[in-house]
Amino acid sequence: MKPLKLLFFLGALILAASGLKASRKVPGEPYTVGHSNRGLLIDDVPRVLTTGAIHYPRSTPAMWDSLMKKAKAGGLNTIDTYVFWNLHEPRKGHYDFATDRANLPLFLQLAQD
C-alpha cells in the first residue's frame, strides 16, 4: 500500500470515529479540516478530539465492536490505531487485509459505524 493511501485510511479512521458521520448531508462528501488560533476545525466547527488507541491485531475481530462501544461510552470520540505493516505484508509483495486480525477494512468500518 502506498504511503498516501495509508495516510488516507488513518485520516478516515479518525474522522469516522469522531462522531461526524451523523452531521454529513451527503455520504462521501469531503470534510474540510483546518485550524484556528484556538484549535482544530472540522467543517468550520471547533472540535475537541478525545482519543484512545485500539491496536486491532492485539484483539480479535469479534472484540472490536465491543471495544469501540466501550470507548464511546467512556467519552471518547476518536479511535486511533497503528497499521502493523509486518502483519499486512508478511512476505515482500504478498498483502493481507482480509483475514482475521489483519482485516483493517472491517476495523475501519466498525469505527465509522
PDB file of N, CA and C in Angstrom:
ATOM      1  N   MET A   1       0.849  -1.170   0.000  1.00  0.00           N
ATOM      2  CA  MET A   1       0.000   0.000   0.000  1.00  0.00           C
ATOM      3  C   MET A   1       0.892   1.230   0.000  1.00  0.00           C
ATOM      4  N   LYS A   2       0.560   2.201  -0.818  1.00  0.00           N
ATOM      5  CA  LYS A   2       1.359   3.416  -0.899  1.00  0.00           C
ATOM      6  C   LYS A   2       1.139   4.275   0.337  1.00  0.00           C
ATOM      7  N   PRO A   3       2.163   5.046   0.735  1.00  0.00           N
ATOM      8  CA  PRO A   3       2.037   5.884   1.938  1.00  0.00           C
ATOM      9  C   PRO A   3       0.836   6.824   1.890  1.00  0.00           C
ATOM     10  N   LEU A   4       0.503   7.376   0.730  1.00  0.00           N
ATOM     11  CA  LEU A   4      -0.635   8.289   0.641  1.00  0.00           C
ATOM     12  C   LEU A   4      -1.946   7.563   0.941  1.00  0.00           C
ATOM     13  N   LYS A   5      -2.102   6.334   0.444  1.00  0.00           N
ATOM     14  CA  LYS A   5      -3.308   5.566   0.734  1.00  0.00           C
ATOM     15  C   LYS A   5      -3.380   5.214   2.214  1.00  0.00           C
ATOM     16  N   LEU A   6      -2.221   4.890   2.794  1.00  0.00           N
ATOM     17  CA  LEU A   6      -2.167   4.584   4.208  1.00  0.00           C
ATOM     18  C   LEU A   6      -2.588   5.800   5.024  1.00  0.00           C
ATOM     19  N   LEU A   7      -2.093   6.971   4.656  1.00  0.00           N
ATOM     20  CA  LEU A   7      -2.475   8.202   5.335  1.00  0.00           C
ATOM     21  C   LEU A   7      -3.978   8.451   5.198  1.00  0.00           C
ATOM     22  N   PHE A   8      -4.539   8.175   4.026  1.00  0.00           N
ATOM     23  CA  PHE A   8      -5.979   8.325   3.821  1.00  0.00           C
ATOM     24  C   PHE A   8      -6.763   7.421   4.767  1.00  0.00           C
ATOM     25  N   PHE A   9      -6.333   6.152   4.889  1.00  0.00           N
ATOM     26  CA  PHE A   9      -7.030   5.220   5.782  1.00  0.00           C
ATOM     27  C   PHE A   9      -6.993   5.716   7.223  1.00  0.00           C
ATOM     28  N   LEU A  10      -5.834   6.185   7.657  1.00  0.00           N
ATOM     29  CA  LEU A  10      -5.730   6.654   9.038  1.00  0.00           C
ATOM     30  C   LEU A  10      -6.571   7.908   9.261  1.00  0.00           C
ATOM     31  N   GLY A  11      -6.552   8.816   8.292  1.00  0.00           N
ATOM     32  CA  GLY A  11      -7.390  10.005   8.394  1.00  0.00           C
ATOM     33  C   GLY A  11      -8.865   9.654   8.399  1.00  0.00           C
ATOM     34  N   ALA A  12      -9.243   8.693   7.559  1.00  0.00           N
ATOM     35  CA  ALA A  12     -10.642   8.260   7.521  1.00  0.00           C
ATOM     36  C   ALA A  12     -11.046   7.650   8.851  1.00  0.00           C
ATOM     37  N   LEU A  13     -10.123   6.898   9.451  1.00  0.00           N
ATOM     38  CA  LEU A  13     -10.423   6.298  10.748  1.00  0.00           C
ATOM     39  C   LEU A  13     -10.681   7.368  11.801  1.00  0.00           C
ATOM     40  N   ILE A  14      -9.843   8.370  11.841  1.00  0.00           N
ATOM     41  CA  ILE A  14     -10.010   9.429  12.835  1.00  0.00           C
ATOM     42  C   ILE A  14     -11.327  10.160  12.624  1.00  0.00           C
ATOM     43  N   LEU A  15     -11.605  10.553  11.388  1.00  0.00           N
ATOM     44  CA  LEU A  15     -12.845  11.293  11.127  1.00  0.00           C
ATOM     45  C   LEU A  15     -14.077  10.423  11.317  1.00  0.00           C
ATOM     46  N   ALA A  16     -13.971   9.162  10.921  1.00  0.00           N
ATOM     47  CA  ALA A  16     -15.128   8.269  11.049  1.00  0.00           C
ATOM     48  C   ALA A  16     -15.499   8.062  12.501  1.00  0.00           C
ATOM     49  N   ALA A  17     -14.523   7.967  13.353  1.00  0.00           N
ATOM     50  CA  ALA A  17     -14.790   7.681  14.762  1.00  0.00           C
ATOM     51  C   ALA A  17     -15.069   8.937  15.571  1.00  0.00           C
ATOM     52  N   SER A  18     -14.977  10.094  14.949  1.00  0.00           N
ATOM     53  CA  SER A  18     -15.112  11.330  15.718  1.00  0.00           C
ATOM     54  C   SER A  18     -16.556  11.814  15.850  1.00  0.00           C
ATOM     55  N   GLY A  19     -17.513  11.033  15.385  1.00  0.00           N
ATOM     56  CA  GLY A  19     -18.912  11.405  15.558  1.00  0.00           C
ATOM     57  C   GLY A  19     -19.431  12.340  14.483  1.00  0.00           C
ATOM     58  N   LEU A  20     -18.702  12.506  13.395  1.00  0.00           N
ATOM     59  CA  LEU A  20     -19.128  13.439  12.356  1.00  0.00           C
ATOM     60  C   LEU A  20     -20.103  12.818  11.364  1.00  0.00           C
ATOM     61  N   LYS A  21     -20.174  11.513  11.354  1.00  0.00           N
ATOM     62  CA  LYS A  21     -20.994  10.822  10.361  1.00  0.00           C
ATOM     63  C   LYS A  21     -22.436  11.329  10.352  1.00  0.00           C
ATOM     64  N   ALA A  22     -23.017  11.514  11.524  1.00  0.00           N
ATOM     65  CA  ALA A  22     -24.419  11.915  11.601  1.00  0.00           C
ATOM     66  C   ALA A  22     -24.650  13.322  11.073  1.00  0.00           C
ATOM     67  N   SER A  23     -23.615  14.168  11.065  1.00  0.00           N
ATOM     68  CA  SER A  23     -23.812  15.547  10.633  1.00  0.00           C
ATOM     69  C   SER A  23     -23.586  15.731   9.132  1.00  0.00           C
ATOM     70  N   ARG A  24     -23.206  14.694   8.412  1.00  0.00           N
ATOM     71  CA  ARG A  24     -22.936  14.805   6.981  1.00  0.00           C
ATOM     72  C   ARG A  24     -24.240  14.864   6.210  1.00  0.00           C
ATOM     73  N   LYS A  25     -24.300  15.794   5.262  1.00  0.00           N
ATOM     74  CA  LYS A  25     -25.505  15.934   4.444  1.00  0.00           C
ATOM     75  C   LYS A  25     -25.521  14.915   3.309  1.00  0.00           C
ATOM     76  N   VAL A  26     -24.376  14.696   2.694  1.00  0.00           N
ATOM     77  CA  VAL A  26     -24.279  13.793   1.562  1.00  0.00           C
ATOM     78  C   VAL A  26     -23.195  12.769   1.866  1.00  0.00           C
ATOM     79  N   PRO A  27     -23.522  11.477   1.891  1.00  0.00           N
ATOM     80  CA  PRO A  27     -22.485  10.474   2.145  1.00  0.00           C
ATOM     81  C   PRO A  27     -21.346  10.619   1.132  1.00  0.00           C
ATOM     82  N   GLY A  28     -20.141  10.563   1.623  1.00  0.00           N
ATOM     83  CA  GLY A  28     -18.984  10.691   0.746  1.00  0.00           C
ATOM     84  C   GLY A  28     -18.554  12.124   0.502  1.00  0.00           C
ATOM     85  N   GLU A  29     -19.351  13.082   0.942  1.00  0.00           N
ATOM     86  CA  GLU A  29     -18.980  14.487   0.789  1.00  0.00           C
ATOM     87  C   GLU A  29     -17.701  14.738   1.595  1.00  0.00           C
ATOM     88  N   PRO A  30     -16.724  15.436   1.021  1.00  0.00           N
ATOM     89  CA  PRO A  30     -15.457  15.627   1.733  1.00  0.00           C
ATOM     90  C   PRO A  30     -15.594  16.542   2.943  1.00  0.00           C
ATOM     91  N   TYR A  31     -14.786  16.266   3.929  1.00  0.00           N
ATOM     92  CA  TYR A  31     -14.697  17.120   5.106  1.00  0.00           C
ATOM     93  C   TYR A  31     -13.696  18.229   4.817  1.00  0.00           C
ATOM     94  N   THR A  32     -13.856  19.349   5.485  1.00  0.00           N
ATOM     95  CA  THR A  32     -12.794  20.345   5.484  1.00  0.00           C
ATOM     96  C   THR A  32     -12.179  20.332   6.866  1.00  0.00           C
ATOM     97  N   VAL A  33     -10.883  20.272   6.905  1.00  0.00           N
ATOM     98  CA  VAL A  33     -10.159  20.243   8.165  1.00  0.00           C
ATOM     99  C   VAL A  33      -9.199  21.420   8.170  1.00  0.00           C
ATOM    100  N   GLY A  34      -9.233  22.179   9.244  1.00  0.00           N
ATOM    101  CA  GLY A  34      -8.355  23.336   9.365  1.00  0.00           C
ATOM    102  C   GLY A  34      -8.077  23.628  10.824  1.00  0.00           C
ATOM    103  N   HIS A  35      -7.611  24.818  11.078  1.00  0.00           N
ATOM    104  CA  HIS A  35      -7.331  25.195  12.463  1.00  0.00           C
ATOM    105  C   HIS A  35      -7.535  26.688  12.632  1.00  0.00           C
ATOM    106  N   SER A  36      -7.749  27.066  13.839  1.00  0.00           N
ATOM    107  CA  SER A  36      -7.818  28.479  14.211  1.00  0.00           C
ATOM    108  C   SER A  36      -6.754  28.696  15.275  1.00  0.00           C
ATOM    109  N   ASN A  37      -6.711  29.901  15.808  1.00  0.00           N
ATOM    110  CA  ASN A  37      -5.739  30.141  16.872  1.00  0.00           C
ATOM    111  C   ASN A  37      -6.142  29.430  18.163  1.00  0.00           C
ATOM    112  N   ARG A  38      -7.337  28.832  18.173  1.00  0.00           N
ATOM    113  CA  ARG A  38      -7.815  28.128  19.371  1.00  0.00           C
ATOM    114  C   ARG A  38      -7.853  26.619  19.223  1.00  0.00           C
ATOM    115  N   GLY A  39      -7.660  26.106  18.002  1.00  0.00           N
ATOM    116  CA  GLY A  39      -7.669  24.654  17.874  1.00  0.00           C
ATOM    117  C   GLY A  39      -8.118  24.151  16.518  1.00  0.00           C
ATOM    118  N   LEU A  40      -8.578  22.916  16.500  1.00  0.00           N
ATOM    119  CA  LEU A  40      -8.955  22.186  15.294  1.00  0.00           C
ATOM    120  C   LEU A  40     -10.364  22.560  14.844  1.00  0.00           C
ATOM    121  N   LEU A  41     -10.531  22.708  13.531  1.00  0.00           N
ATOM    122  CA  LEU A  41     -11.846  22.954  12.939  1.00  0.00           C
ATOM    123  C   LEU A  41     -12.149  21.843  11.942  1.00  0.00           C
ATOM    124  N   ILE A  42     -13.305  21.241  12.057  1.00  0.00           N
ATOM    125  CA  ILE A  42     -13.770  20.265  11.077  1.00  0.00           C
ATOM    126  C   ILE A  42     -15.087  20.794  10.538  1.00  0.00           C
ATOM    127  N   ASP A  43     -15.121  21.015   9.221  1.00  0.00           N
ATOM    128  CA  ASP A  43     -16.263  21.685   8.581  1.00  0.00           C
ATOM    129  C   ASP A  43     -16.543  23.030   9.265  1.00  0.00           C
ATOM    130  N   ASP A  44     -15.487  23.740   9.590  1.00  0.00           N
ATOM    131  CA  ASP A  44     -15.542  25.068  10.216  1.00  0.00           C
ATOM    132  C   ASP A  44     -16.191  25.070  11.597  1.00  0.00           C
ATOM    133  N   VAL A  45     -16.281  23.916  12.225  1.00  0.00           N
ATOM    134  CA  VAL A  45     -16.829  23.804  13.580  1.00  0.00           C
ATOM    135  C   VAL A  45     -15.686  23.408  14.514  1.00  0.00           C
ATOM    136  N   PRO A  46     -15.483  24.159  15.598  1.00  0.00           N
ATOM    137  CA  PRO A  46     -14.419  23.776  16.543  1.00  0.00           C
ATOM    138  C   PRO A  46     -14.702  22.396  17.132  1.00  0.00           C
ATOM    139  N   ARG A  47     -13.682  21.546  17.141  1.00  0.00           N
ATOM    140  CA  ARG A  47     -13.841  20.180  17.654  1.00  0.00           C
ATOM    141  C   ARG A  47     -12.706  19.863  18.615  1.00  0.00           C
ATOM    142  N   VAL A  48     -13.025  19.124  19.634  1.00  0.00           N
ATOM    143  CA  VAL A  48     -12.027  18.561  20.527  1.00  0.00           C
ATOM    144  C   VAL A  48     -12.049  17.062  20.302  1.00  0.00           C
ATOM    145  N   LEU A  49     -10.927  16.523  19.872  1.00  0.00           N
ATOM    146  CA  LEU A  49     -10.841  15.088  19.644  1.00  0.00           C
ATOM    147  C   LEU A  49     -10.342  14.434  20.925  1.00  0.00           C
ATOM    148  N   THR A  50     -11.189  13.619  21.514  1.00  0.00           N
ATOM    149  CA  THR A  50     -10.834  12.845  22.700  1.00  0.00           C
ATOM    150  C   THR A  50     -10.553  11.439  22.202  1.00  0.00           C
ATOM    151  N   THR A  51      -9.297  11.051  22.248  1.00  0.00           N
ATOM    152  CA  THR A  51      -8.886   9.852  21.532  1.00  0.00           C
ATOM    153  C   THR A  51      -8.350   8.756  22.445  1.00  0.00           C
ATOM    154  N   GLY A  52      -8.496   7.552  21.969  1.00  0.00           N
ATOM    155  CA  GLY A  52      -7.930   6.379  22.615  1.00  0.00           C
ATOM    156  C   GLY A  52      -7.490   5.405  21.536  1.00  0.00           C
ATOM    157  N   ALA A  53      -6.530   4.583  21.857  1.00  0.00           N
ATOM    158  CA  ALA A  53      -5.974   3.647  20.869  1.00  0.00           C
ATOM    159  C   ALA A  53      -6.563   2.254  21.035  1.00  0.00           C
ATOM    160  N   ILE A  54      -6.866   1.646  19.912  1.00  0.00           N
ATOM    161  CA  ILE A  54      -7.199   0.222  19.857  1.00  0.00           C
ATOM    162  C   ILE A  54      -6.247  -0.375  18.829  1.00  0.00           C
ATOM    163  N   HIS A  55      -5.393  -1.260  19.262  1.00  0.00           N
ATOM    164  CA  HIS A  55      -4.469  -1.933  18.348  1.00  0.00           C
ATOM    165  C   HIS A  55      -5.168  -3.186  17.826  1.00  0.00           C
ATOM    166  N   TYR A  56      -5.745  -3.056  16.642  1.00  0.00           N
ATOM    167  CA  TYR A  56      -6.625  -4.111  16.125  1.00  0.00           C
ATOM    168  C   TYR A  56      -5.985  -5.493  16.068  1.00  0.00           C
ATOM    169  N   PRO A  57      -4.682  -5.661  15.785  1.00  0.00           N
ATOM    170  CA  PRO A  57      -4.147  -7.026  15.763  1.00  0.00           C
ATOM    171  C   PRO A  57      -3.984  -7.642  17.154  1.00  0.00           C
ATOM    172  N   ARG A  58      -4.091  -6.821  18.187  1.00  0.00           N
ATOM    173  CA  ARG A  58      -3.922  -7.339  19.544  1.00  0.00           C
ATOM    174  C   ARG A  58      -5.246  -7.760  20.177  1.00  0.00           C
ATOM    175  N   SER A  59      -6.294  -7.723  19.394  1.00  0.00           N
ATOM    176  CA  SER A  59      -7.597  -8.212  19.822  1.00  0.00           C
ATOM    177  C   SER A  59      -8.219  -8.937  18.634  1.00  0.00           C
ATOM    178  N   THR A  60      -9.288  -9.664  18.873  1.00  0.00           N
ATOM    179  CA  THR A  60      -9.927 -10.397  17.780  1.00  0.00           C
ATOM    180  C   THR A  60     -10.996  -9.533  17.130  1.00  0.00           C
ATOM    181  N   PRO A  61     -11.308  -9.780  15.869  1.00  0.00           N
ATOM    182  CA  PRO A  61     -12.377  -9.021  15.222  1.00  0.00           C
ATOM    183  C   PRO A  61     -13.697  -9.077  15.982  1.00  0.00           C
ATOM    184  N   ALA A  62     -13.972 -10.164  16.674  1.00  0.00           N
ATOM    185  CA  ALA A  62     -15.205 -10.275  17.450  1.00  0.00           C
ATOM    186  C   ALA A  62     -15.225  -9.283  18.622  1.00  0.00           C
ATOM    187  N   MET A  63     -14.073  -8.812  19.040  1.00  0.00           N
ATOM    188  CA  MET A  63     -13.980  -7.879  20.167  1.00  0.00           C
ATOM    189  C   MET A  63     -14.067  -6.412  19.734  1.00  0.00           C
ATOM    190  N   TRP A  64     -13.801  -6.108  18.468  1.00  0.00           N
ATOM    191  CA  TRP A  64     -13.643  -4.729  18.028  1.00  0.00           C
ATOM    192  C   TRP A  64     -14.872  -3.873  18.287  1.00  0.00           C
ATOM    193  N   ASP A  65     -16.036  -4.360  17.934  1.00  0.00           N
ATOM    194  CA  ASP A  65     -17.260  -3.576  18.122  1.00  0.00           C
ATOM    195  C   ASP A  65     -17.475  -3.253  19.600  1.00  0.00           C
ATOM    196  N   SER A  66     -17.293  -4.230  20.445  1.00  0.00           N
ATOM    197  CA  SER A  66     -17.461  -4.029  21.881  1.00  0.00           C
ATOM    198  C   SER A  66     -16.435  -3.027  22.426  1.00  0.00           C
ATOM    199  N   LEU A  67     -15.193  -3.143  21.979  1.00  0.00           N
ATOM    200  CA  LEU A  67     -14.160  -2.202  22.429  1.00  0.00           C
ATOM    201  C   LEU A  67     -14.499  -0.772  22.024  1.00  0.00           C
ATOM    202  N   MET A  68     -14.999  -0.600  20.806  1.00  0.00           N
ATOM    203  CA  MET A  68     -15.342   0.748  20.329  1.00  0.00           C
ATOM    204  C   MET A  68     -16.554   1.308  21.070  1.00  0.00           C
ATOM    205  N   LYS A  69     -17.526   0.454  21.352  1.00  0.00           N
ATOM    206  CA  LYS A  69     -18.690   0.913  22.120  1.00  0.00           C
ATOM    207  C   LYS A  69     -18.286   1.327  23.531  1.00  0.00           C
ATOM    208  N   LYS A  70     -17.372   0.574  24.139  1.00  0.00           N
ATOM    209  CA  LYS A  70     -16.888   0.932  25.472  1.00  0.00           C
ATOM    210  C   LYS A  70     -16.105   2.243  25.438  1.00  0.00           C
ATOM    211  N   ALA A  71     -15.321   2.431  24.404  1.00  0.00           N
ATOM    212  CA  ALA A  71     -14.569   3.679  24.260  1.00  0.00           C
ATOM    213  C   ALA A  71     -15.527   4.866  24.136  1.00  0.00           C
ATOM    214  N   LYS A  72     -16.566   4.704  23.335  1.00  0.00           N
ATOM    215  CA  LYS A  72     -17.555   5.771  23.170  1.00  0.00           C
ATOM    216  C   LYS A  72     -18.296   6.034  24.478  1.00  0.00           C
ATOM    217  N   ALA A  73     -18.676   4.980  25.168  1.00  0.00           N
ATOM    218  CA  ALA A  73     -19.364   5.137  26.457  1.00  0.00           C
ATOM    219  C   ALA A  73     -18.467   5.821  27.478  1.00  0.00           C
ATOM    220  N   GLY A  74     -17.157   5.655  27.329  1.00  0.00           N
ATOM    221  CA  GLY A  74     -16.206   6.290  28.227  1.00  0.00           C
ATOM    222  C   GLY A  74     -15.884   7.727  27.850  1.00  0.00           C
ATOM    223  N   GLY A  75     -16.535   8.245  26.811  1.00  0.00           N
ATOM    224  CA  GLY A  75     -16.355   9.645  26.446  1.00  0.00           C
ATOM    225  C   GLY A  75     -15.416   9.907  25.283  1.00  0.00           C
ATOM    226  N   LEU A  76     -14.906   8.873  24.660  1.00  0.00           N
ATOM    227  CA  LEU A  76     -14.013   9.080  23.519  1.00  0.00           C
ATOM    228  C   LEU A  76     -14.834   9.315  22.257  1.00  0.00           C
ATOM    229  N   ASN A  77     -14.327  10.181  21.378  1.00  0.00           N
ATOM    230  CA  ASN A  77     -14.998  10.396  20.100  1.00  0.00           C
ATOM    231  C   ASN A  77     -14.077  10.090  18.926  1.00  0.00           C
ATOM    232  N   THR A  78     -12.878   9.584  19.216  1.00  0.00           N
ATOM    233  CA  THR A  78     -11.904   9.269  18.179  1.00  0.00           C
ATOM    234  C   THR A  78     -11.133   8.019  18.584  1.00  0.00           C
ATOM    235  N   ILE A  79     -10.939   7.121  17.630  1.00  0.00           N
ATOM    236  CA  ILE A  79     -10.123   5.936  17.846  1.00  0.00           C
ATOM    237  C   ILE A  79      -8.878   6.076  16.982  1.00  0.00           C
ATOM    238  N   ASP A  80      -7.720   5.871  17.584  1.00  0.00           N
ATOM    239  CA  ASP A  80      -6.513   5.843  16.759  1.00  0.00           C
ATOM    240  C   ASP A  80      -5.928   4.436  16.803  1.00  0.00           C
ATOM    241  N   THR A  81      -5.134   4.134  15.796  1.00  0.00           N
ATOM    242  CA  THR A  81      -4.519   2.815  15.717  1.00  0.00           C
ATOM    243  C   THR A  81      -3.230   2.913  14.943  1.00  0.00           C
ATOM    244  N   TYR A  82      -2.401   1.936  15.110  1.00  0.00           N
ATOM    245  CA  TYR A  82      -1.225   1.750  14.272  1.00  0.00           C
ATOM    246  C   TYR A  82      -1.600   0.785  13.172  1.00  0.00           C
ATOM    247  N   VAL A  83      -0.963   0.910  12.030  1.00  0.00           N
ATOM    248  CA  VAL A  83      -1.093  -0.096  10.988  1.00  0.00           C
ATOM    249  C   VAL A  83       0.156  -0.971  11.083  1.00  0.00           C
ATOM    250  N   PHE A  84      -0.047  -2.208  11.456  1.00  0.00           N
ATOM    251  CA  PHE A  84       1.051  -3.146  11.667  1.00  0.00           C
ATOM    252  C   PHE A  84       1.458  -3.735  10.319  1.00  0.00           C
ATOM    253  N   TRP A  85       2.413  -3.101   9.679  1.00  0.00           N
ATOM    254  CA  TRP A  85       2.741  -3.465   8.306  1.00  0.00           C
ATOM    255  C   TRP A  85       3.276  -4.891   8.213  1.00  0.00           C
ATOM    256  N   ASN A  86       3.989  -5.349   9.248  1.00  0.00           N
ATOM    257  CA  ASN A  86       4.501  -6.720   9.213  1.00  0.00           C
ATOM    258  C   ASN A  86       3.357  -7.737   9.189  1.00  0.00           C
ATOM    259  N   LEU A  87       2.193  -7.361   9.686  1.00  0.00           N
ATOM    260  CA  LEU A  87       1.011  -8.222   9.622  1.00  0.00           C
ATOM    261  C   LEU A  87       0.415  -8.216   8.217  1.00  0.00           C
ATOM    262  N   HIS A  88       0.409  -7.048   7.580  1.00  0.00           N
ATOM    263  CA  HIS A  88      -0.248  -6.904   6.276  1.00  0.00           C
ATOM    264  C   HIS A  88       0.633  -7.310   5.100  1.00  0.00           C
ATOM    265  N   GLU A  89       1.939  -7.278   5.289  1.00  0.00           N
ATOM    266  CA  GLU A  89       2.851  -7.747   4.234  1.00  0.00           C
ATOM    267  C   GLU A  89       3.844  -8.723   4.861  1.00  0.00           C
ATOM    268  N   PRO A  90       3.367  -9.955   5.133  1.00  0.00           N
ATOM    269  CA  PRO A  90       4.240 -10.926   5.805  1.00  0.00           C
ATOM    270  C   PRO A  90       5.439 -11.336   4.954  1.00  0.00           C
ATOM    271  N   ARG A  91       5.259 -11.303   3.642  1.00  0.00           N
ATOM    272  CA  ARG A  91       6.352 -11.552   2.698  1.00  0.00           C
ATOM    273  C   ARG A  91       6.298 -10.441   1.669  1.00  0.00           C
ATOM    274  N   LYS A  92       7.450 -10.031   1.237  1.00  0.00           N
ATOM    275  CA  LYS A  92       7.520  -8.933   0.277  1.00  0.00           C
ATOM    276  C   LYS A  92       6.606  -9.192  -0.916  1.00  0.00           C
ATOM    277  N   GLY A  93       5.713  -8.257  -1.166  1.00  0.00           N
ATOM    278  CA  GLY A  93       4.796  -8.360  -2.305  1.00  0.00           C
ATOM    279  C   GLY A  93       3.537  -9.165  -2.051  1.00  0.00           C
ATOM    280  N   HIS A  94       3.380  -9.750  -0.869  1.00  0.00           N
ATOM    281  CA  HIS A  94       2.187 -10.521  -0.515  1.00  0.00           C
ATOM    282  C   HIS A  94       1.436  -9.784   0.588  1.00  0.00           C
ATOM    283  N   TYR A  95       0.241  -9.292   0.269  1.00  0.00           N
ATOM    284  CA  TYR A  95      -0.512  -8.441   1.181  1.00  0.00           C
ATOM    285  C   TYR A  95      -1.742  -9.166   1.712  1.00  0.00           C
ATOM    286  N   ASP A  96      -2.075  -8.872   2.940  1.00  0.00           N
ATOM    287  CA  ASP A  96      -3.256  -9.463   3.570  1.00  0.00           C
ATOM    288  C   ASP A  96      -4.001  -8.377   4.343  1.00  0.00           C
ATOM    289  N   PHE A  97      -5.162  -8.007   3.856  1.00  0.00           N
ATOM    290  CA  PHE A  97      -6.016  -7.045   4.545  1.00  0.00           C
ATOM    291  C   PHE A  97      -7.394  -7.644   4.812  1.00  0.00           C
ATOM    292  N   ALA A  98      -7.499  -8.975   4.788  1.00  0.00           N
ATOM    293  CA  ALA A  98      -8.824  -9.580   4.871  1.00  0.00           C
ATOM    294  C   ALA A  98      -8.970 -10.664   5.922  1.00  0.00           C
ATOM    295  N   THR A  99      -7.902 -11.317   6.313  1.00  0.00           N
ATOM    296  CA  THR A  99      -8.067 -12.467   7.192  1.00  0.00           C
ATOM    297  C   THR A  99      -7.929 -12.089   8.658  1.00  0.00           C
ATOM    298  N   ASP A 100      -8.856 -12.548   9.448  1.00  0.00           N
ATOM    299  CA  ASP A 100      -8.842 -12.457  10.902  1.00  0.00           C
ATOM    300  C   ASP A 100      -8.382 -11.087  11.397  1.00  0.00           C
ATOM    301  N   ARG A 101      -7.326 -11.024  12.157  1.00  0.00           N
ATOM    302  CA  ARG A 101      -6.859  -9.774  12.776  1.00  0.00           C
ATOM    303  C   ARG A 101      -6.260  -8.795  11.777  1.00  0.00           C
ATOM    304  N   ALA A 102      -6.028  -9.218  10.558  1.00  0.00           N
ATOM    305  CA  ALA A 102      -5.486  -8.336   9.522  1.00  0.00           C
ATOM    306  C   ALA A 102      -6.590  -7.589   8.777  1.00  0.00           C
ATOM    307  N   ASN A 103      -7.833  -7.777   9.157  1.00  0.00           N
ATOM    308  CA  ASN A 103      -8.967  -7.205   8.429  1.00  0.00           C
ATOM    309  C   ASN A 103      -9.139  -5.718   8.773  1.00  0.00           C
ATOM    310  N   LEU A 104      -8.201  -4.912   8.294  1.00  0.00           N
ATOM    311  CA  LEU A 104      -8.246  -3.465   8.541  1.00  0.00           C
ATOM    312  C   LEU A 104      -9.512  -2.817   7.963  1.00  0.00           C
ATOM    313  N   PRO A 105      -9.977  -3.186   6.765  1.00  0.00           N
ATOM    314  CA  PRO A 105     -11.234  -2.590   6.275  1.00  0.00           C
ATOM    315  C   PRO A 105     -12.414  -2.811   7.222  1.00  0.00           C
ATOM    316  N   LEU A 106     -12.518  -3.992   7.819  1.00  0.00           N
ATOM    317  CA  LEU A 106     -13.593  -4.247   8.776  1.00  0.00           C
ATOM    318  C   LEU A 106     -13.434  -3.364  10.006  1.00  0.00           C
ATOM    319  N   PHE A 107     -12.216  -3.256  10.514  1.00  0.00           N
ATOM    320  CA  PHE A 107     -11.952  -2.412  11.672  1.00  0.00           C
ATOM    321  C   PHE A 107     -12.368  -0.961  11.401  1.00  0.00           C
ATOM    322  N   LEU A 108     -11.999  -0.451  10.218  1.00  0.00           N
ATOM    323  CA  LEU A 108     -12.352   0.922   9.866  1.00  0.00           C
ATOM    324  C   LEU A 108     -13.863   1.092   9.708  1.00  0.00           C
ATOM    325  N   GLN A 109     -14.528   0.086   9.139  1.00  0.00           N
ATOM    326  CA  GLN A 109     -15.987   0.155   9.000  1.00  0.00           C
ATOM    327  C   GLN A 109     -16.655   0.198  10.374  1.00  0.00           C
ATOM    328  N   LEU A 110     -16.190  -0.626  11.293  1.00  0.00           N
ATOM    329  CA  LEU A 110     -16.752  -0.614  12.646  1.00  0.00           C
ATOM    330  C   LEU A 110     -16.510   0.741  13.324  1.00  0.00           C
ATOM    331  N   ALA A 111     -15.360   1.322  13.095  1.00  0.00           N
ATOM    332  CA  ALA A 111     -15.071   2.642  13.669  1.00  0.00           C
ATOM    333  C   ALA A 111     -16.007   3.694  13.096  1.00  0.00           C
ATOM    334  N   GLN A 112     -16.334   3.572  11.815  1.00  0.00           N
ATOM    335  CA  GLN A 112     -17.224   4.540  11.184  1.00  0.00           C
ATOM    336  C   GLN A 112     -18.647   4.402  11.694  1.00  0.00           C
ATOM    337  N   ASP A 113     -19.078   3.169  11.946  1.00  0.00           N
ATOM    338  CA  ASP A 113     -20.444   2.938  12.446  1.00  0.00           C
ATOM    339  C   ASP A 113     -20.549   3.456  13.849  1.00  0.00           C
TER     340      ASP A 113
END
